[in-house]
mmCIF file of all heavy atoms, coordinates in Angstrom:
data_MODEL
# 
_entry.id   MODEL 
# 
loop_
_atom_site.group_PDB 
_atom_site.id 
_atom_site.type_symbol 
_atom_site.label_atom_id 
_atom_site.label_alt_id 
_atom_site.label_comp_id 
_atom_site.label_asym_id 
_atom_site.label_entity_id 
_atom_site.label_seq_id 
_atom_site.pdbx_PDB_ins_code 
_atom_site.Cartn_x 
_atom_site.Cartn_y 
_atom_site.Cartn_z 
_atom_site.occupancy 
_atom_site.B_iso_or_equiv 
_atom_site.pdbx_formal_charge 
_atom_site.auth_seq_id 
_atom_site.auth_comp_id 
_atom_site.auth_asym_id 
_atom_site.auth_atom_id 
_atom_site.pdbx_PDB_model_num 
ATOM 1   N N   . ARG A 1 1  ? -6.654  9.887  -8.969  1.00 0.00 ? 1  ARG A N   1 
ATOM 2   C CA  . ARG A 1 1  ? -7.428  10.402 -7.843  1.00 0.00 ? 1  ARG A CA  1 
ATOM 3   C C   . ARG A 1 1  ? -7.248  11.973 -7.845  1.00 0.00 ? 1  ARG A C   1 
ATOM 4   O O   . ARG A 1 1  ? -6.145  12.437 -7.684  1.00 0.00 ? 1  ARG A O   1 
ATOM 5   C CB  . ARG A 1 1  ? -7.009  9.814  -6.515  1.00 0.00 ? 1  ARG A CB  1 
ATOM 6   C CG  . ARG A 1 1  ? -7.804  10.350 -5.344  1.00 0.00 ? 1  ARG A CG  1 
ATOM 7   C CD  . ARG A 1 1  ? -7.417  9.657  -4.013  1.00 0.00 ? 1  ARG A CD  1 
ATOM 8   N NE  . ARG A 1 1  ? -7.703  8.207  -4.031  1.00 0.00 ? 1  ARG A NE  1 
ATOM 9   C CZ  . ARG A 1 1  ? -8.242  7.521  -3.040  1.00 0.00 ? 1  ARG A CZ  1 
ATOM 10  N NH1 . ARG A 1 1  ? -8.526  8.194  -1.887  1.00 0.00 ? 1  ARG A NH1 1 
ATOM 11  N NH2 . ARG A 1 1  ? -8.426  6.216  -3.099  1.00 0.00 ? 1  ARG A NH2 1 
ATOM 12  N N   . GLU A 1 2  ? -8.358  12.662 -7.943  1.00 0.00 ? 2  GLU A N   1 
ATOM 13  C CA  . GLU A 1 2  ? -8.326  14.126 -7.887  1.00 0.00 ? 2  GLU A CA  1 
ATOM 14  C C   . GLU A 1 2  ? -8.417  14.619 -6.456  1.00 0.00 ? 2  GLU A C   1 
ATOM 15  O O   . GLU A 1 2  ? -7.797  15.615 -6.072  1.00 0.00 ? 2  GLU A O   1 
ATOM 16  C CB  . GLU A 1 2  ? -9.443  14.693 -8.722  1.00 0.00 ? 2  GLU A CB  1 
ATOM 17  C CG  . GLU A 1 2  ? -9.449  14.228 -10.211 1.00 0.00 ? 2  GLU A CG  1 
ATOM 18  C CD  . GLU A 1 2  ? -8.245  14.775 -11.030 1.00 0.00 ? 2  GLU A CD  1 
ATOM 19  O OE1 . GLU A 1 2  ? -7.548  15.670 -10.505 1.00 0.00 ? 2  GLU A OE1 1 
ATOM 20  O OE2 . GLU A 1 2  ? -8.041  14.279 -12.151 1.00 0.00 ? 2  GLU A OE2 1 
ATOM 21  N N   . GLN A 1 3  ? -9.304  13.937 -5.667  1.00 0.00 ? 3  GLN A N   1 
ATOM 22  C CA  . GLN A 1 3  ? -9.432  14.313 -4.272  1.00 0.00 ? 3  GLN A CA  1 
ATOM 23  C C   . GLN A 1 3  ? -10.081 13.168 -3.488  1.00 0.00 ? 3  GLN A C   1 
ATOM 24  O O   . GLN A 1 3  ? -10.754 12.305 -4.103  1.00 0.00 ? 3  GLN A O   1 
ATOM 25  C CB  . GLN A 1 3  ? -10.198 15.592 -4.035  1.00 0.00 ? 3  GLN A CB  1 
ATOM 26  C CG  . GLN A 1 3  ? -11.649 15.532 -4.437  1.00 0.00 ? 3  GLN A CG  1 
ATOM 27  C CD  . GLN A 1 3  ? -12.383 16.870 -4.192  1.00 0.00 ? 3  GLN A CD  1 
ATOM 28  O OE1 . GLN A 1 3  ? -11.853 17.940 -4.459  1.00 0.00 ? 3  GLN A OE1 1 
ATOM 29  N NE2 . GLN A 1 3  ? -13.578 16.799 -3.658  1.00 0.00 ? 3  GLN A NE2 1 
ATOM 30  N N   . ASP A 1 4  ? -9.888  13.113 -2.168  1.00 0.00 ? 4  ASP A N   1 
ATOM 31  C CA  . ASP A 1 4  ? -10.393 12.038 -1.361  1.00 0.00 ? 4  ASP A CA  1 
ATOM 32  C C   . ASP A 1 4  ? -11.867 12.167 -1.039  1.00 0.00 ? 4  ASP A C   1 
ATOM 33  O O   . ASP A 1 4  ? -12.642 11.232 -1.131  1.00 0.00 ? 4  ASP A O   1 
ATOM 34  C CB  . ASP A 1 4  ? -9.613  11.969 -0.025  1.00 0.00 ? 4  ASP A CB  1 
ATOM 35  C CG  . ASP A 1 4  ? -8.220  11.518 -0.183  1.00 0.00 ? 4  ASP A CG  1 
ATOM 36  O OD1 . ASP A 1 4  ? -7.925  10.724 -1.129  1.00 0.00 ? 4  ASP A OD1 1 
ATOM 37  O OD2 . ASP A 1 4  ? -7.330  11.908 0.587   1.00 0.00 ? 4  ASP A OD2 1 
ATOM 38  N N   . SER A 1 5  ? -12.280 13.398 -0.582  1.00 0.00 ? 5  SER A N   1 
ATOM 39  C CA  . SER A 1 5  ? -13.637 13.572 -0.074  1.00 0.00 ? 5  SER A CA  1 
ATOM 40  C C   . SER A 1 5  ? -14.199 14.938 -0.511  1.00 0.00 ? 5  SER A C   1 
ATOM 41  O O   . SER A 1 5  ? -13.688 15.974 -0.150  1.00 0.00 ? 5  SER A O   1 
ATOM 42  C CB  . SER A 1 5  ? -13.653 13.470 1.445   1.00 0.00 ? 5  SER A CB  1 
ATOM 43  O OG  . SER A 1 5  ? -14.942 13.549 1.953   1.00 0.00 ? 5  SER A OG  1 
ATOM 44  N N   . PRO A 1 6  ? -15.258 14.931 -1.342  1.00 0.00 ? 6  PRO A N   1 
ATOM 45  C CA  . PRO A 1 6  ? -15.818 13.765 -1.936  1.00 0.00 ? 6  PRO A CA  1 
ATOM 46  C C   . PRO A 1 6  ? -14.898 13.185 -2.976  1.00 0.00 ? 6  PRO A C   1 
ATOM 47  O O   . PRO A 1 6  ? -14.125 13.944 -3.633  1.00 0.00 ? 6  PRO A O   1 
ATOM 48  C CB  . PRO A 1 6  ? -17.118 14.251 -2.575  1.00 0.00 ? 6  PRO A CB  1 
ATOM 49  C CG  . PRO A 1 6  ? -16.849 15.700 -2.840  1.00 0.00 ? 6  PRO A CG  1 
ATOM 50  C CD  . PRO A 1 6  ? -15.974 16.202 -1.723  1.00 0.00 ? 6  PRO A CD  1 
ATOM 51  N N   . TYR A 1 7  ? -14.908 11.855 -3.156  1.00 0.00 ? 7  TYR A N   1 
ATOM 52  C CA  . TYR A 1 7  ? -13.979 11.199 -4.040  1.00 0.00 ? 7  TYR A CA  1 
ATOM 53  C C   . TYR A 1 7  ? -14.213 11.627 -5.479  1.00 0.00 ? 7  TYR A C   1 
ATOM 54  O O   . TYR A 1 7  ? -15.358 11.586 -5.965  1.00 0.00 ? 7  TYR A O   1 
ATOM 55  C CB  . TYR A 1 7  ? -14.167 9.693  -3.919  1.00 0.00 ? 7  TYR A CB  1 
ATOM 56  C CG  . TYR A 1 7  ? -13.213 8.872  -4.794  1.00 0.00 ? 7  TYR A CG  1 
ATOM 57  C CD1 . TYR A 1 7  ? -11.860 9.104  -4.753  1.00 0.00 ? 7  TYR A CD1 1 
ATOM 58  C CD2 . TYR A 1 7  ? -13.685 7.782  -5.542  1.00 0.00 ? 7  TYR A CD2 1 
ATOM 59  C CE1 . TYR A 1 7  ? -10.958 8.296  -5.516  1.00 0.00 ? 7  TYR A CE1 1 
ATOM 60  C CE2 . TYR A 1 7  ? -12.829 7.029  -6.260  1.00 0.00 ? 7  TYR A CE2 1 
ATOM 61  C CZ  . TYR A 1 7  ? -11.471 7.259  -6.280  1.00 0.00 ? 7  TYR A CZ  1 
ATOM 62  O OH  . TYR A 1 7  ? -10.615 6.487  -6.976  1.00 0.00 ? 7  TYR A OH  1 
ATOM 63  N N   . GLN A 1 8  ? -13.185 12.090 -6.130  1.00 0.00 ? 8  GLN A N   1 
ATOM 64  C CA  . GLN A 1 8  ? -13.267 12.474 -7.535  1.00 0.00 ? 8  GLN A CA  1 
ATOM 65  C C   . GLN A 1 8  ? -12.060 11.854 -8.257  1.00 0.00 ? 8  GLN A C   1 
ATOM 66  O O   . GLN A 1 8  ? -10.937 11.849 -7.713  1.00 0.00 ? 8  GLN A O   1 
ATOM 67  C CB  . GLN A 1 8  ? -13.250 14.006 -7.713  1.00 0.00 ? 8  GLN A CB  1 
ATOM 68  C CG  . GLN A 1 8  ? -14.486 14.692 -7.119  1.00 0.00 ? 8  GLN A CG  1 
ATOM 69  C CD  . GLN A 1 8  ? -14.466 16.172 -7.367  1.00 0.00 ? 8  GLN A CD  1 
ATOM 70  O OE1 . GLN A 1 8  ? -13.575 16.721 -7.981  1.00 0.00 ? 8  GLN A OE1 1 
ATOM 71  N NE2 . GLN A 1 8  ? -15.498 16.856 -6.818  1.00 0.00 ? 8  GLN A NE2 1 
ATOM 72  N N   . TRP A 1 9  ? -12.367 11.348 -9.460  1.00 0.00 ? 9  TRP A N   1 
ATOM 73  C CA  . TRP A 1 9  ? -11.303 10.677 -10.208 1.00 0.00 ? 9  TRP A CA  1 
ATOM 74  C C   . TRP A 1 9  ? -11.467 10.982 -11.692 1.00 0.00 ? 9  TRP A C   1 
ATOM 75  O O   . TRP A 1 9  ? -12.526 11.424 -12.152 1.00 0.00 ? 9  TRP A O   1 
ATOM 76  C CB  . TRP A 1 9  ? -11.314 9.161  -9.967  1.00 0.00 ? 9  TRP A CB  1 
ATOM 77  C CG  . TRP A 1 9  ? -12.647 8.521  -10.235 1.00 0.00 ? 9  TRP A CG  1 
ATOM 78  C CD1 . TRP A 1 9  ? -13.705 8.402  -9.398  1.00 0.00 ? 9  TRP A CD1 1 
ATOM 79  C CD2 . TRP A 1 9  ? -13.037 7.862  -11.462 1.00 0.00 ? 9  TRP A CD2 1 
ATOM 80  N NE1 . TRP A 1 9  ? -14.747 7.729  -9.995  1.00 0.00 ? 9  TRP A NE1 1 
ATOM 81  C CE2 . TRP A 1 9  ? -14.364 7.374  -11.265 1.00 0.00 ? 9  TRP A CE2 1 
ATOM 82  C CE3 . TRP A 1 9  ? -12.415 7.648  -12.670 1.00 0.00 ? 9  TRP A CE3 1 
ATOM 83  C CZ2 . TRP A 1 9  ? -15.096 6.704  -12.250 1.00 0.00 ? 9  TRP A CZ2 1 
ATOM 84  C CZ3 . TRP A 1 9  ? -13.145 6.954  -13.693 1.00 0.00 ? 9  TRP A CZ3 1 
ATOM 85  C CH2 . TRP A 1 9  ? -14.465 6.506  -13.471 1.00 0.00 ? 9  TRP A CH2 1 
ATOM 86  N N   . SER A 1 10 ? -10.373 10.767 -12.419 1.00 0.00 ? 10 SER A N   1 
ATOM 87  C CA  . SER A 1 10 ? -10.375 10.992 -13.876 1.00 0.00 ? 10 SER A CA  1 
ATOM 88  C C   . SER A 1 10 ? -9.534  9.889  -14.493 1.00 0.00 ? 10 SER A C   1 
ATOM 89  O O   . SER A 1 10 ? -8.933  9.074  -13.797 1.00 0.00 ? 10 SER A O   1 
ATOM 90  C CB  . SER A 1 10 ? -9.823  12.352 -14.210 1.00 0.00 ? 10 SER A CB  1 
ATOM 91  O OG  . SER A 1 10 ? -8.462  12.497 -13.739 1.00 0.00 ? 10 SER A OG  1 
ATOM 92  N N   . ILE A 1 11 ? -9.477  9.858  -15.804 1.00 0.00 ? 11 ILE A N   1 
ATOM 93  C CA  . ILE A 1 11 ? -8.736  8.854  -16.544 1.00 0.00 ? 11 ILE A CA  1 
ATOM 94  C C   . ILE A 1 11 ? -7.401  9.436  -16.998 1.00 0.00 ? 11 ILE A C   1 
ATOM 95  O O   . ILE A 1 11 ? -7.352  10.506 -17.576 1.00 0.00 ? 11 ILE A O   1 
ATOM 96  C CB  . ILE A 1 11 ? -9.491  8.353  -17.774 1.00 0.00 ? 11 ILE A CB  1 
ATOM 97  C CG1 . ILE A 1 11 ? -10.793 7.647  -17.344 1.00 0.00 ? 11 ILE A CG1 1 
ATOM 98  C CG2 . ILE A 1 11 ? -8.642  7.382  -18.601 1.00 0.00 ? 11 ILE A CG2 1 
ATOM 99  C CD1 . ILE A 1 11 ? -10.610 6.363  -16.564 1.00 0.00 ? 11 ILE A CD1 1 
ATOM 100 N N   . GLY A 1 12 ? -6.312  8.729  -16.705 1.00 0.00 ? 12 GLY A N   1 
ATOM 101 C CA  . GLY A 1 12 ? -4.991  9.091  -17.188 1.00 0.00 ? 12 GLY A CA  1 
ATOM 102 C C   . GLY A 1 12 ? -4.424  7.966  -18.009 1.00 0.00 ? 12 GLY A C   1 
ATOM 103 O O   . GLY A 1 12 ? -5.148  7.063  -18.465 1.00 0.00 ? 12 GLY A O   1 
ATOM 104 N N   . GLN A 1 13 ? -3.132  7.964  -18.205 1.00 0.00 ? 13 GLN A N   1 
ATOM 105 C CA  . GLN A 1 13 ? -2.505  6.888  -18.959 1.00 0.00 ? 13 GLN A CA  1 
ATOM 106 C C   . GLN A 1 13 ? -1.018  6.770  -18.551 1.00 0.00 ? 13 GLN A C   1 
ATOM 107 O O   . GLN A 1 13 ? -0.440  7.732  -18.018 1.00 0.00 ? 13 GLN A O   1 
ATOM 108 C CB  . GLN A 1 13 ? -2.582  7.106  -20.458 1.00 0.00 ? 13 GLN A CB  1 
ATOM 109 C CG  . GLN A 1 13 ? -1.924  8.356  -20.972 1.00 0.00 ? 13 GLN A CG  1 
ATOM 110 C CD  . GLN A 1 13 ? -2.001  8.480  -22.497 1.00 0.00 ? 13 GLN A CD  1 
ATOM 111 O OE1 . GLN A 1 13 ? -1.062  8.098  -23.216 1.00 0.00 ? 13 GLN A OE1 1 
ATOM 112 N NE2 . GLN A 1 13 ? -3.070  9.017  -22.983 1.00 0.00 ? 13 GLN A NE2 1 
ATOM 113 N N   . VAL A 1 14 ? -0.470  5.593  -18.800 1.00 0.00 ? 14 VAL A N   1 
ATOM 114 C CA  . VAL A 1 14 ? 0.929   5.346  -18.470 1.00 0.00 ? 14 VAL A CA  1 
ATOM 115 C C   . VAL A 1 14 ? 1.497   4.383  -19.567 1.00 0.00 ? 14 VAL A C   1 
ATOM 116 O O   . VAL A 1 14 ? 0.756   3.531  -20.057 1.00 0.00 ? 14 VAL A O   1 
ATOM 117 C CB  . VAL A 1 14 ? 1.054   4.710  -17.064 1.00 0.00 ? 14 VAL A CB  1 
ATOM 118 C CG1 . VAL A 1 14 ? 0.359   3.354  -17.013 1.00 0.00 ? 14 VAL A CG1 1 
ATOM 119 C CG2 . VAL A 1 14 ? 2.508   4.549  -16.664 1.00 0.00 ? 14 VAL A CG2 1 
ATOM 120 N N   . PRO A 1 15 ? 2.779   4.570  -19.927 1.00 0.00 ? 15 PRO A N   1 
ATOM 121 C CA  . PRO A 1 15 ? 3.349   3.643  -20.914 1.00 0.00 ? 15 PRO A CA  1 
ATOM 122 C C   . PRO A 1 15 ? 3.398   2.218  -20.358 1.00 0.00 ? 15 PRO A C   1 
ATOM 123 O O   . PRO A 1 15 ? 3.689   2.015  -19.204 1.00 0.00 ? 15 PRO A O   1 
ATOM 124 C CB  . PRO A 1 15 ? 4.755   4.196  -21.130 1.00 0.00 ? 15 PRO A CB  1 
ATOM 125 C CG  . PRO A 1 15 ? 4.691   5.650  -20.749 1.00 0.00 ? 15 PRO A CG  1 
ATOM 126 C CD  . PRO A 1 15 ? 3.673   5.682  -19.638 1.00 0.00 ? 15 PRO A CD  1 
ATOM 127 N N   . LEU A 1 16 ? 3.095   1.268  -21.212 1.00 0.00 ? 16 LEU A N   1 
ATOM 128 C CA  . LEU A 1 16 ? 3.135   -0.106 -20.756 1.00 0.00 ? 16 LEU A CA  1 
ATOM 129 C C   . LEU A 1 16 ? 4.536   -0.532 -20.287 1.00 0.00 ? 16 LEU A C   1 
ATOM 130 O O   . LEU A 1 16 ? 4.652   -1.315 -19.363 1.00 0.00 ? 16 LEU A O   1 
ATOM 131 C CB  . LEU A 1 16 ? 2.693   -1.041 -21.941 1.00 0.00 ? 16 LEU A CB  1 
ATOM 132 C CG  . LEU A 1 16 ? 1.225   -1.032 -22.283 1.00 0.00 ? 16 LEU A CG  1 
ATOM 133 C CD1 . LEU A 1 16 ? 0.978   -1.884 -23.540 1.00 0.00 ? 16 LEU A CD1 1 
ATOM 134 C CD2 . LEU A 1 16 ? 0.378   -1.548 -21.139 1.00 0.00 ? 16 LEU A CD2 1 
ATOM 135 N N   . ALA A 1 17 ? 5.555   0.045  -20.862 1.00 0.00 ? 17 ALA A N   1 
ATOM 136 C CA  . ALA A 1 17 ? 6.898   -0.287 -20.442 1.00 0.00 ? 17 ALA A CA  1 
ATOM 137 C C   . ALA A 1 17 ? 7.161   0.055  -18.999 1.00 0.00 ? 17 ALA A C   1 
ATOM 138 O O   . ALA A 1 17 ? 7.976   -0.563 -18.318 1.00 0.00 ? 17 ALA A O   1 
ATOM 139 C CB  . ALA A 1 17 ? 7.920   0.433  -21.349 1.00 0.00 ? 17 ALA A CB  1 
ATOM 140 N N   . ASP A 1 18 ? 6.472   1.063  -18.509 1.00 0.00 ? 18 ASP A N   1 
ATOM 141 C CA  . ASP A 1 18 ? 6.661   1.531  -17.104 1.00 0.00 ? 18 ASP A CA  1 
ATOM 142 C C   . ASP A 1 18 ? 5.931   0.609  -16.116 1.00 0.00 ? 18 ASP A C   1 
ATOM 143 O O   . ASP A 1 18 ? 6.401   0.441  -14.969 1.00 0.00 ? 18 ASP A O   1 
ATOM 144 C CB  . ASP A 1 18 ? 6.171   2.967  -16.930 1.00 0.00 ? 18 ASP A CB  1 
ATOM 145 C CG  . ASP A 1 18 ? 7.070   3.961  -17.635 1.00 0.00 ? 18 ASP A CG  1 
ATOM 146 O OD1 . ASP A 1 18 ? 8.156   3.569  -18.102 1.00 0.00 ? 18 ASP A OD1 1 
ATOM 147 O OD2 . ASP A 1 18 ? 6.668   5.131  -17.744 1.00 0.00 ? 18 ASP A OD2 1 
ATOM 148 N N   . VAL A 1 19 ? 4.799   0.074  -16.499 1.00 0.00 ? 19 VAL A N   1 
ATOM 149 C CA  . VAL A 1 19 ? 3.966   -0.683 -15.578 1.00 0.00 ? 19 VAL A CA  1 
ATOM 150 C C   . VAL A 1 19 ? 4.192   -2.195 -15.642 1.00 0.00 ? 19 VAL A C   1 
ATOM 151 O O   . VAL A 1 19 ? 3.868   -2.936 -14.739 1.00 0.00 ? 19 VAL A O   1 
ATOM 152 C CB  . VAL A 1 19 ? 2.472   -0.366 -15.805 1.00 0.00 ? 19 VAL A CB  1 
ATOM 153 C CG1 . VAL A 1 19 ? 1.942   -0.979 -17.086 1.00 0.00 ? 19 VAL A CG1 1 
ATOM 154 C CG2 . VAL A 1 19 ? 1.643   -0.782 -14.616 1.00 0.00 ? 19 VAL A CG2 1 
ATOM 155 N N   . ALA A 1 20 ? 4.812   -2.661 -16.755 1.00 0.00 ? 20 ALA A N   1 
ATOM 156 C CA  . ALA A 1 20 ? 4.987   -4.065 -16.977 1.00 0.00 ? 20 ALA A CA  1 
ATOM 157 C C   . ALA A 1 20 ? 5.813   -4.697 -15.859 1.00 0.00 ? 20 ALA A C   1 
ATOM 158 O O   . ALA A 1 20 ? 6.885   -4.218 -15.503 1.00 0.00 ? 20 ALA A O   1 
ATOM 159 C CB  . ALA A 1 20 ? 5.648   -4.306 -18.320 1.00 0.00 ? 20 ALA A CB  1 
ATOM 160 N N   . ASN A 1 21 ? 5.300   -5.823 -15.358 1.00 0.00 ? 21 ASN A N   1 
ATOM 161 C CA  . ASN A 1 21 ? 5.981   -6.652 -14.354 1.00 0.00 ? 21 ASN A CA  1 
ATOM 162 C C   . ASN A 1 21 ? 6.295   -5.877 -13.055 1.00 0.00 ? 21 ASN A C   1 
ATOM 163 O O   . ASN A 1 21 ? 7.193   -6.274 -12.279 1.00 0.00 ? 21 ASN A O   1 
ATOM 164 C CB  . ASN A 1 21 ? 7.311   -7.216 -14.907 1.00 0.00 ? 21 ASN A CB  1 
ATOM 165 C CG  . ASN A 1 21 ? 7.010   -8.228 -15.995 1.00 0.00 ? 21 ASN A CG  1 
ATOM 166 O OD1 . ASN A 1 21 ? 6.120   -9.055 -15.931 1.00 0.00 ? 21 ASN A OD1 1 
ATOM 167 N ND2 . ASN A 1 21 ? 7.786   -8.125 -17.083 1.00 0.00 ? 21 ASN A ND2 1 
ATOM 168 N N   . GLN A 1 22 ? 5.569   -4.794 -12.798 1.00 0.00 ? 22 GLN A N   1 
ATOM 169 C CA  . GLN A 1 22 ? 5.792   -4.052 -11.557 1.00 0.00 ? 22 GLN A CA  1 
ATOM 170 C C   . GLN A 1 22 ? 4.705   -4.371 -10.558 1.00 0.00 ? 22 GLN A C   1 
ATOM 171 O O   . GLN A 1 22 ? 3.581   -4.755 -10.880 1.00 0.00 ? 22 GLN A O   1 
ATOM 172 C CB  . GLN A 1 22 ? 5.759   -2.528 -11.841 1.00 0.00 ? 22 GLN A CB  1 
ATOM 173 C CG  . GLN A 1 22 ? 6.817   -2.084 -12.854 1.00 0.00 ? 22 GLN A CG  1 
ATOM 174 C CD  . GLN A 1 22 ? 8.217   -2.315 -12.337 1.00 0.00 ? 22 GLN A CD  1 
ATOM 175 O OE1 . GLN A 1 22 ? 8.573   -1.939 -11.212 1.00 0.00 ? 22 GLN A OE1 1 
ATOM 176 N NE2 . GLN A 1 22 ? 9.066   -2.943 -13.179 1.00 0.00 ? 22 GLN A NE2 1 
ATOM 177 N N   . GLU A 1 23 ? 5.053   -4.168 -9.264  1.00 0.00 ? 23 GLU A N   1 
ATOM 178 C CA  . GLU A 1 23 ? 4.083   -4.404 -8.156  1.00 0.00 ? 23 GLU A CA  1 
ATOM 179 C C   . GLU A 1 23 ? 4.118   -3.213 -7.216  1.00 0.00 ? 23 GLU A C   1 
ATOM 180 O O   . GLU A 1 23 ? 5.216   -2.688 -6.962  1.00 0.00 ? 23 GLU A O   1 
ATOM 181 C CB  . GLU A 1 23 ? 4.430   -5.719 -7.423  1.00 0.00 ? 23 GLU A CB  1 
ATOM 182 C CG  . GLU A 1 23 ? 4.091   -6.967 -8.165  1.00 0.00 ? 23 GLU A CG  1 
ATOM 183 C CD  . GLU A 1 23 ? 4.313   -8.220 -7.317  1.00 0.00 ? 23 GLU A CD  1 
ATOM 184 O OE1 . GLU A 1 23 ? 5.268   -8.217 -6.531  1.00 0.00 ? 23 GLU A OE1 1 
ATOM 185 O OE2 . GLU A 1 23 ? 3.547   -9.190 -7.466  1.00 0.00 ? 23 GLU A OE2 1 
ATOM 186 N N   . LYS A 1 24 ? 2.967   -2.871 -6.692  1.00 0.00 ? 24 LYS A N   1 
ATOM 187 C CA  . LYS A 1 24 ? 2.828   -1.767 -5.759  1.00 0.00 ? 24 LYS A CA  1 
ATOM 188 C C   . LYS A 1 24 ? 2.455   -2.284 -4.372  1.00 0.00 ? 24 LYS A C   1 
ATOM 189 O O   . LYS A 1 24 ? 1.341   -2.741 -4.190  1.00 0.00 ? 24 LYS A O   1 
ATOM 190 C CB  . LYS A 1 24 ? 1.747   -0.798 -6.258  1.00 0.00 ? 24 LYS A CB  1 
ATOM 191 C CG  . LYS A 1 24 ? 1.499   0.382  -5.329  1.00 0.00 ? 24 LYS A CG  1 
ATOM 192 C CD  . LYS A 1 24 ? 0.422   1.316  -5.897  1.00 0.00 ? 24 LYS A CD  1 
ATOM 193 C CE  . LYS A 1 24 ? -0.962  0.627  -5.911  1.00 0.00 ? 24 LYS A CE  1 
ATOM 194 N NZ  . LYS A 1 24 ? -2.037  1.501  -6.381  1.00 0.00 ? 24 LYS A NZ  1 
ATOM 195 N N   . ALA A 1 25 ? 3.420   -2.227 -3.464  1.00 0.00 ? 25 ALA A N   1 
ATOM 196 C CA  . ALA A 1 25 ? 3.126   -2.688 -2.113  1.00 0.00 ? 25 ALA A CA  1 
ATOM 197 C C   . ALA A 1 25 ? 2.459   -1.552 -1.338  1.00 0.00 ? 25 ALA A C   1 
ATOM 198 O O   . ALA A 1 25 ? 2.433   -0.395 -1.790  1.00 0.00 ? 25 ALA A O   1 
ATOM 199 C CB  . ALA A 1 25 ? 4.403   -3.085 -1.412  1.00 0.00 ? 25 ALA A CB  1 
ATOM 200 N N   . MET A 1 26 ? 1.907   -1.853 -0.180  1.00 0.00 ? 26 MET A N   1 
ATOM 201 C CA  . MET A 1 26 ? 1.315   -0.824 0.652   1.00 0.00 ? 26 MET A CA  1 
ATOM 202 C C   . MET A 1 26 ? 2.471   0.048  1.209   1.00 0.00 ? 26 MET A C   1 
ATOM 203 O O   . MET A 1 26 ? 3.483   -0.446 1.638   1.00 0.00 ? 26 MET A O   1 
ATOM 204 C CB  . MET A 1 26 ? 0.588   -1.440 1.818   1.00 0.00 ? 26 MET A CB  1 
ATOM 205 C CG  . MET A 1 26 ? -0.743  -2.055 1.465   1.00 0.00 ? 26 MET A CG  1 
ATOM 206 S SD  . MET A 1 26 ? -1.614  -2.647 2.951   1.00 0.00 ? 26 MET A SD  1 
ATOM 207 C CE  . MET A 1 26 ? -1.793  -1.120 3.861   1.00 0.00 ? 26 MET A CE  1 
ATOM 208 N N   . PRO A 1 27 ? 2.285   1.365  1.158   1.00 0.00 ? 27 PRO A N   1 
ATOM 209 C CA  . PRO A 1 27 ? 3.320   2.253  1.707   1.00 0.00 ? 27 PRO A CA  1 
ATOM 210 C C   . PRO A 1 27 ? 3.363   2.119  3.240   1.00 0.00 ? 27 PRO A C   1 
ATOM 211 O O   . PRO A 1 27 ? 2.374   1.843  3.900   1.00 0.00 ? 27 PRO A O   1 
ATOM 212 C CB  . PRO A 1 27 ? 2.850   3.627  1.296   1.00 0.00 ? 27 PRO A CB  1 
ATOM 213 C CG  . PRO A 1 27 ? 1.409   3.494  1.066   1.00 0.00 ? 27 PRO A CG  1 
ATOM 214 C CD  . PRO A 1 27 ? 1.181   2.124  0.563   1.00 0.00 ? 27 PRO A CD  1 
ATOM 215 N N   . PRO A 1 28 ? 4.538   2.320  3.832   1.00 0.00 ? 28 PRO A N   1 
ATOM 216 C CA  . PRO A 1 28 ? 4.675   2.161  5.313   1.00 0.00 ? 28 PRO A CA  1 
ATOM 217 C C   . PRO A 1 28 ? 3.711   3.044  6.090   1.00 0.00 ? 28 PRO A C   1 
ATOM 218 O O   . PRO A 1 28 ? 3.239   2.652  7.178   1.00 0.00 ? 28 PRO A O   1 
ATOM 219 C CB  . PRO A 1 28 ? 6.145   2.627  5.524   1.00 0.00 ? 28 PRO A CB  1 
ATOM 220 C CG  . PRO A 1 28 ? 6.837   2.331  4.255   1.00 0.00 ? 28 PRO A CG  1 
ATOM 221 C CD  . PRO A 1 28 ? 5.809   2.609  3.181   1.00 0.00 ? 28 PRO A CD  1 
# 
């Protein structure tokens, strides 16, 4: 996410080892 309004986004990348078996809960 580059910015909220107007919404702008781009493509990034992350190592599979970092994301494997991970879960992202809603922040408080």
